[in-house]
Amino acid sequence: MKKLCETVGFLVFVQGAAGLLHEWFDWFRFFSVVRRVPFIGDHSLFVCIVLVVTGVAIMIASDSVKE
């Protein structure tokens, strides 16, 4: 269970970081899932920041999960 939480946290973090790189530098155009969600609209920068913070929080919280 701990490895699953770490993996999910890492994937959420990577999606947020890729979205931020796409917003700032126009990189990772095909890798970011955030830009493909239609109802986000103009809030994609905020959503990417939330994804990065959530990914870090999930990875930190996975340390408290017992095997």
PDB file of N, CA and C in Angstrom:
ATOM      1  N   MET A   1       0.824  -1.191   0.000  1.00  0.00           N
ATOM      2  CA  MET A   1       0.000   0.000   0.000  1.00  0.00           C
ATOM      3  C   MET A   1       0.872   1.261   0.000  1.00  0.00           C
ATOM      4  N   LYS A   2       1.997   1.179   0.688  1.00  0.00           N
ATOM      5  CA  LYS A   2       2.888   2.333   0.757  1.00  0.00           C
ATOM      6  C   LYS A   2       3.451   2.666  -0.625  1.00  0.00           C
ATOM      7  N   LYS A   3       3.857   1.646  -1.359  1.00  0.00           N
ATOM      8  CA  LYS A   3       4.391   1.866  -2.709  1.00  0.00           C
ATOM      9  C   LYS A   3       3.327   2.441  -3.636  1.00  0.00           C
ATOM     10  N   LEU A   4       2.088   2.001  -3.486  1.00  0.00           N
ATOM     11  CA  LEU A   4       0.993   2.520  -4.302  1.00  0.00           C
ATOM     12  C   LEU A   4       0.776   4.005  -4.028  1.00  0.00           C
ATOM     13  N   CYS A   5       0.781   4.384  -2.753  1.00  0.00           N
ATOM     14  CA  CYS A   5       0.614   5.800  -2.396  1.00  0.00           C
ATOM     15  C   CYS A   5       1.773   6.640  -2.927  1.00  0.00           C
ATOM     16  N   GLU A   6       2.988   6.116  -2.820  1.00  0.00           N
ATOM     17  CA  GLU A   6       4.142   6.845  -3.340  1.00  0.00           C
ATOM     18  C   GLU A   6       4.056   7.005  -4.857  1.00  0.00           C
ATOM     19  N   THR A   7       3.619   5.972  -5.542  1.00  0.00           N
ATOM     20  CA  THR A   7       3.502   6.025  -6.998  1.00  0.00           C
ATOM     21  C   THR A   7       2.421   7.006  -7.428  1.00  0.00           C
ATOM     22  N   VAL A   8       1.279   6.968  -6.775  1.00  0.00           N
ATOM     23  CA  VAL A   8       0.201   7.906  -7.099  1.00  0.00           C
ATOM     24  C   VAL A   8       0.640   9.340  -6.820  1.00  0.00           C
ATOM     25  N   GLY A   9       1.300   9.565  -5.703  1.00  0.00           N
ATOM     26  CA  GLY A   9       1.800  10.893  -5.382  1.00  0.00           C
ATOM     27  C   GLY A   9       2.808  11.389  -6.401  1.00  0.00           C
ATOM     28  N   PHE A  10       3.676  10.499  -6.835  1.00  0.00           N
ATOM     29  CA  PHE A  10       4.667  10.883  -7.839  1.00  0.00           C
ATOM     30  C   PHE A  10       4.008  11.218  -9.167  1.00  0.00           C
ATOM     31  N   LEU A  11       3.022  10.420  -9.576  1.00  0.00           N
ATOM     32  CA  LEU A  11       2.335  10.683 -10.844  1.00  0.00           C
ATOM     33  C   LEU A  11       1.557  12.002 -10.802  1.00  0.00           C
ATOM     34  N   VAL A  12       0.922  12.286  -9.678  1.00  0.00           N
ATOM     35  CA  VAL A  12       0.201  13.560  -9.532  1.00  0.00           C
ATOM     36  C   VAL A  12       1.190  14.719  -9.568  1.00  0.00           C
ATOM     37  N   PHE A  13       2.320  14.559  -8.893  1.00  0.00           N
ATOM     38  CA  PHE A  13       3.346  15.603  -8.897  1.00  0.00           C
ATOM     39  C   PHE A  13       3.887  15.846 -10.302  1.00  0.00           C
ATOM     40  N   VAL A  14       4.160  14.780 -11.032  1.00  0.00           N
ATOM     41  CA  VAL A  14       4.702  14.909 -12.391  1.00  0.00           C
ATOM     42  C   VAL A  14       3.698  15.589 -13.314  1.00  0.00           C
ATOM     43  N   GLN A  15       2.423  15.254 -13.177  1.00  0.00           N
ATOM     44  CA  GLN A  15       1.409  15.900 -14.010  1.00  0.00           C
ATOM     45  C   GLN A  15       1.329  17.397 -13.713  1.00  0.00           C
ATOM     46  N   GLY A  16       1.422  17.762 -12.444  1.00  0.00           N
ATOM     47  CA  GLY A  16       1.414  19.184 -12.097  1.00  0.00           C
ATOM     48  C   GLY A  16       2.649  19.908 -12.602  1.00  0.00           C
ATOM     49  N   ALA A  17       3.813  19.269 -12.456  1.00  0.00           N
ATOM     50  CA  ALA A  17       5.049  19.891 -12.931  1.00  0.00           C
ATOM     51  C   ALA A  17       5.059  20.011 -14.451  1.00  0.00           C
ATOM     52  N   ALA A  18       4.560  18.997 -15.147  1.00  0.00           N
ATOM     53  CA  ALA A  18       4.495  19.072 -16.609  1.00  0.00           C
ATOM     54  C   ALA A  18       3.526  20.154 -17.053  1.00  0.00           C
ATOM     55  N   GLY A  19       2.433  20.307 -16.335  1.00  0.00           N
ATOM     56  CA  GLY A  19       1.491  21.372 -16.649  1.00  0.00           C
ATOM     57  C   GLY A  19       2.098  22.752 -16.437  1.00  0.00           C
ATOM     58  N   LEU A  20       2.870  22.895 -15.365  1.00  0.00           N
ATOM     59  CA  LEU A  20       3.534  24.181 -15.125  1.00  0.00           C
ATOM     60  C   LEU A  20       4.569  24.481 -16.201  1.00  0.00           C
ATOM     61  N   LEU A  21       5.334  23.475 -16.585  1.00  0.00           N
ATOM     62  CA  LEU A  21       6.309  23.677 -17.655  1.00  0.00           C
ATOM     63  C   LEU A  21       5.623  24.025 -18.975  1.00  0.00           C
ATOM     64  N   HIS A  22       4.460  23.437 -19.206  1.00  0.00           N
ATOM     65  CA  HIS A  22       3.719  23.766 -20.420  1.00  0.00           C
ATOM     66  C   HIS A  22       3.181  25.193 -20.361  1.00  0.00           C
ATOM     67  N   GLU A  23       2.711  25.616 -19.200  1.00  0.00           N
ATOM     68  CA  GLU A  23       2.174  26.972 -19.068  1.00  0.00           C
ATOM     69  C   GLU A  23       3.275  28.022 -19.207  1.00  0.00           C
ATOM     70  N   TRP A  24       4.418  27.763 -18.601  1.00  0.00           N
ATOM     71  CA  TRP A  24       5.473  28.773 -18.570  1.00  0.00           C
ATOM     72  C   TRP A  24       6.342  28.766 -19.813  1.00  0.00           C
ATOM     73  N   PHE A  25       6.716  27.589 -20.301  1.00  0.00           N
ATOM     74  CA  PHE A  25       7.696  27.496 -21.381  1.00  0.00           C
ATOM     75  C   PHE A  25       7.171  26.830 -22.646  1.00  0.00           C
ATOM     76  N   ASP A  26       5.920  26.393 -22.636  1.00  0.00           N
ATOM     77  CA  ASP A  26       5.300  25.698 -23.753  1.00  0.00           C
ATOM     78  C   ASP A  26       6.002  24.371 -24.055  1.00  0.00           C
ATOM     79  N   TRP A  27       6.475  23.700 -22.997  1.00  0.00           N
ATOM     80  CA  TRP A  27       7.079  22.378 -23.111  1.00  0.00           C
ATOM     81  C   TRP A  27       6.043  21.336 -22.731  1.00  0.00           C
ATOM     82  N   PHE A  28       6.331  20.083 -22.982  1.00  0.00           N
ATOM     83  CA  PHE A  28       5.504  18.935 -22.600  1.00  0.00           C
ATOM     84  C   PHE A  28       4.059  19.109 -23.065  1.00  0.00           C
ATOM     85  N   ARG A  29       3.915  19.491 -24.279  1.00  0.00           N
ATOM     86  CA  ARG A  29       2.598  19.740 -24.855  1.00  0.00           C
ATOM     87  C   ARG A  29       1.718  18.493 -24.843  1.00  0.00           C
ATOM     88  N   PHE A  30       2.297  17.329 -25.083  1.00  0.00           N
ATOM     89  CA  PHE A  30       1.510  16.107 -25.177  1.00  0.00           C
ATOM     90  C   PHE A  30       1.462  15.321 -23.876  1.00  0.00           C
ATOM     91  N   PHE A  31       2.241  15.722 -22.889  1.00  0.00           N
ATOM     92  CA  PHE A  31       2.354  14.965 -21.653  1.00  0.00           C
ATOM     93  C   PHE A  31       1.384  15.443 -20.583  1.00  0.00           C
ATOM     94  N   SER A  32       1.013  16.682 -20.619  1.00  0.00           N
ATOM     95  CA  SER A  32       0.175  17.258 -19.575  1.00  0.00           C
ATOM     96  C   SER A  32      -1.292  16.908 -19.792  1.00  0.00           C
ATOM     97  N   VAL A  33      -1.923  16.378 -18.770  1.00  0.00           N
ATOM     98  CA  VAL A  33      -3.329  16.014 -18.839  1.00  0.00           C
ATOM     99  C   VAL A  33      -4.217  17.219 -18.538  1.00  0.00           C
ATOM    100  N   VAL A  34      -3.697  18.172 -17.805  1.00  0.00           N
ATOM    101  CA  VAL A  34      -4.489  19.318 -17.361  1.00  0.00           C
ATOM    102  C   VAL A  34      -5.036  20.114 -18.540  1.00  0.00           C
ATOM    103  N   ARG A  35      -4.264  20.277 -19.564  1.00  0.00           N
ATOM    104  CA  ARG A  35      -4.722  21.092 -20.689  1.00  0.00           C
ATOM    105  C   ARG A  35      -5.783  20.398 -21.531  1.00  0.00           C
ATOM    106  N   ARG A  36      -5.977  19.101 -21.323  1.00  0.00           N
ATOM    107  CA  ARG A  36      -6.977  18.351 -22.090  1.00  0.00           C
ATOM    108  C   ARG A  36      -8.334  18.291 -21.404  1.00  0.00           C
ATOM    109  N   VAL A  37      -8.427  18.746 -20.174  1.00  0.00           N
ATOM    110  CA  VAL A  37      -9.692  18.736 -19.439  1.00  0.00           C
ATOM    111  C   VAL A  37     -10.443  20.018 -19.786  1.00  0.00           C
ATOM    112  N   PRO A  38     -11.621  19.913 -20.398  1.00  0.00           N
ATOM    113  CA  PRO A  38     -12.268  21.108 -20.944  1.00  0.00           C
ATOM    114  C   PRO A  38     -12.832  22.073 -19.908  1.00  0.00           C
ATOM    115  N   PHE A  39     -13.256  21.603 -18.740  1.00  0.00           N
ATOM    116  CA  PHE A  39     -13.906  22.504 -17.800  1.00  0.00           C
ATOM    117  C   PHE A  39     -12.936  23.318 -16.947  1.00  0.00           C
ATOM    118  N   ILE A  40     -11.646  23.082 -17.075  1.00  0.00           N
ATOM    119  CA  ILE A  40     -10.664  23.861 -16.316  1.00  0.00           C
ATOM    120  C   ILE A  40     -10.539  25.262 -16.893  1.00  0.00           C
ATOM    121  N   GLY A  41     -10.491  25.358 -18.195  1.00  0.00           N
ATOM    122  CA  GLY A  41     -10.484  26.660 -18.859  1.00  0.00           C
ATOM    123  C   GLY A  41      -9.263  27.500 -18.540  1.00  0.00           C
ATOM    124  N   ASP A  42      -9.488  28.669 -17.996  1.00  0.00           N
ATOM    125  CA  ASP A  42      -8.408  29.616 -17.712  1.00  0.00           C
ATOM    126  C   ASP A  42      -7.724  29.361 -16.373  1.00  0.00           C
ATOM    127  N   HIS A  43      -8.150  28.354 -15.650  1.00  0.00           N
ATOM    128  CA  HIS A  43      -7.598  28.092 -14.321  1.00  0.00           C
ATOM    129  C   HIS A  43      -6.517  27.016 -14.329  1.00  0.00           C
ATOM    130  N   SER A  44      -5.911  26.757 -15.456  1.00  0.00           N
ATOM    131  CA  SER A  44      -4.970  25.637 -15.554  1.00  0.00           C
ATOM    132  C   SER A  44      -3.702  25.865 -14.726  1.00  0.00           C
ATOM    133  N   LEU A  45      -3.264  27.094 -14.595  1.00  0.00           N
ATOM    134  CA  LEU A  45      -2.072  27.367 -13.773  1.00  0.00           C
ATOM    135  C   LEU A  45      -2.358  27.033 -12.312  1.00  0.00           C
ATOM    136  N   PHE A  46      -3.505  27.448 -11.813  1.00  0.00           N
ATOM    137  CA  PHE A  46      -3.881  27.149 -10.435  1.00  0.00           C
ATOM    138  C   PHE A  46      -4.019  25.646 -10.224  1.00  0.00           C
ATOM    139  N   VAL A  47      -4.614  24.946 -11.173  1.00  0.00           N
ATOM    140  CA  VAL A  47      -4.794  23.496 -11.064  1.00  0.00           C
ATOM    141  C   VAL A  47      -3.443  22.788 -11.041  1.00  0.00           C
ATOM    142  N   CYS A  48      -2.499  23.254 -11.832  1.00  0.00           N
ATOM    143  CA  CYS A  48      -1.163  22.646 -11.852  1.00  0.00           C
ATOM    144  C   CYS A  48      -0.448  22.840 -10.520  1.00  0.00           C
ATOM    145  N   ILE A  49      -0.587  24.015  -9.933  1.00  0.00           N
ATOM    146  CA  ILE A  49       0.025  24.267  -8.625  1.00  0.00           C
ATOM    147  C   ILE A  49      -0.615  23.362  -7.570  1.00  0.00           C
ATOM    148  N   VAL A  50      -1.924  23.217  -7.620  1.00  0.00           N
ATOM    149  CA  VAL A  50      -2.617  22.336  -6.680  1.00  0.00           C
ATOM    150  C   VAL A  50      -2.169  20.891  -6.862  1.00  0.00           C
ATOM    151  N   LEU A  51      -1.965  20.458  -8.100  1.00  0.00           N
ATOM    152  CA  LEU A  51      -1.488  19.096  -8.349  1.00  0.00           C
ATOM    153  C   LEU A  51      -0.090  18.874  -7.780  1.00  0.00           C
ATOM    154  N   VAL A  52       0.789  19.844  -7.929  1.00  0.00           N
ATOM    155  CA  VAL A  52       2.142  19.709  -7.378  1.00  0.00           C
ATOM    156  C   VAL A  52       2.086  19.591  -5.856  1.00  0.00           C
ATOM    157  N   VAL A  53       1.324  20.460  -5.220  1.00  0.00           N
ATOM    158  CA  VAL A  53       1.222  20.436  -3.756  1.00  0.00           C
ATOM    159  C   VAL A  53       0.555  19.144  -3.280  1.00  0.00           C
ATOM    160  N   THR A  54      -0.479  18.705  -3.981  1.00  0.00           N
ATOM    161  CA  THR A  54      -1.163  17.464  -3.609  1.00  0.00           C
ATOM    162  C   THR A  54      -0.250  16.253  -3.781  1.00  0.00           C
ATOM    163  N   GLY A  55       0.531  16.231  -4.855  1.00  0.00           N
ATOM    164  CA  GLY A  55       1.465  15.134  -5.059  1.00  0.00           C
ATOM    165  C   GLY A  55       2.510  15.055  -3.963  1.00  0.00           C
ATOM    166  N   VAL A  56       3.037  16.196  -3.568  1.00  0.00           N
ATOM    167  CA  VAL A  56       4.019  16.218  -2.475  1.00  0.00           C
ATOM    168  C   VAL A  56       3.365  15.765  -1.174  1.00  0.00           C
ATOM    169  N   ALA A  57       2.135  16.221  -0.914  1.00  0.00           N
ATOM    170  CA  ALA A  57       1.438  15.830   0.309  1.00  0.00           C
ATOM    171  C   ALA A  57       1.150  14.327   0.339  1.00  0.00           C
ATOM    172  N   ILE A  58       0.794  13.752  -0.789  1.00  0.00           N
ATOM    173  CA  ILE A  58       0.539  12.298  -0.838  1.00  0.00           C
ATOM    174  C   ILE A  58       1.829  11.527  -0.597  1.00  0.00           C
ATOM    175  N   MET A  59       2.938  11.990  -1.168  1.00  0.00           N
ATOM    176  CA  MET A  59       4.210  11.292  -0.950  1.00  0.00           C
ATOM    177  C   MET A  59       4.663  11.400   0.494  1.00  0.00           C
ATOM    178  N   ILE A  60       4.429  12.549   1.117  1.00  0.00           N
ATOM    179  CA  ILE A  60       4.793  12.694   2.533  1.00  0.00           C
ATOM    180  C   ILE A  60       3.885  11.838   3.405  1.00  0.00           C
ATOM    181  N   ALA A  61       2.583  11.814   3.083  1.00  0.00           N
ATOM    182  CA  ALA A  61       1.636  11.033   3.883  1.00  0.00           C
ATOM    183  C   ALA A  61       1.860   9.538   3.721  1.00  0.00           C
ATOM    184  N   SER A  62       2.467   9.119   2.638  1.00  0.00           N
ATOM    185  CA  SER A  62       2.690   7.679   2.443  1.00  0.00           C
ATOM    186  C   SER A  62       3.695   7.120   3.445  1.00  0.00           C
ATOM    187  N   ASP A  63       4.478   7.975   4.070  1.00  0.00           N
ATOM    188  CA  ASP A  63       5.415   7.495   5.087  1.00  0.00           C
ATOM    189  C   ASP A  63       4.694   6.994   6.330  1.00  0.00           C
ATOM    190  N   SER A  64       3.485   7.504   6.589  1.00  0.00           N
ATOM    191  CA  SER A  64       2.756   7.070   7.767  1.00  0.00           C
ATOM    192  C   SER A  64       1.940   5.807   7.534  1.00  0.00           C
ATOM    193  N   VAL A  65       1.846   5.349   6.284  1.00  0.00           N
ATOM    194  CA  VAL A  65       1.106   4.135   5.968  1.00  0.00           C
ATOM    195  C   VAL A  65       1.979   2.931   6.316  1.00  0.00           C
ATOM    196  N   LYS A  66       1.401   1.993   7.042  1.00  0.00           N
ATOM    197  CA  LYS A  66       2.150   0.790   7.406  1.00  0.00           C
ATOM    198  C   LYS A  66       2.014  -0.236   6.295  1.00  0.00           C
ATOM    199  N   GLU A  67       2.983  -1.060   6.195  1.00  0.00           N
ATOM    200  CA  GLU A  67       3.008  -2.119   5.146  1.00  0.00           C
ATOM    201  C   GLU A  67       1.880  -3.080   5.294  1.00  0.00           C
TER     202      GLU A  67
END
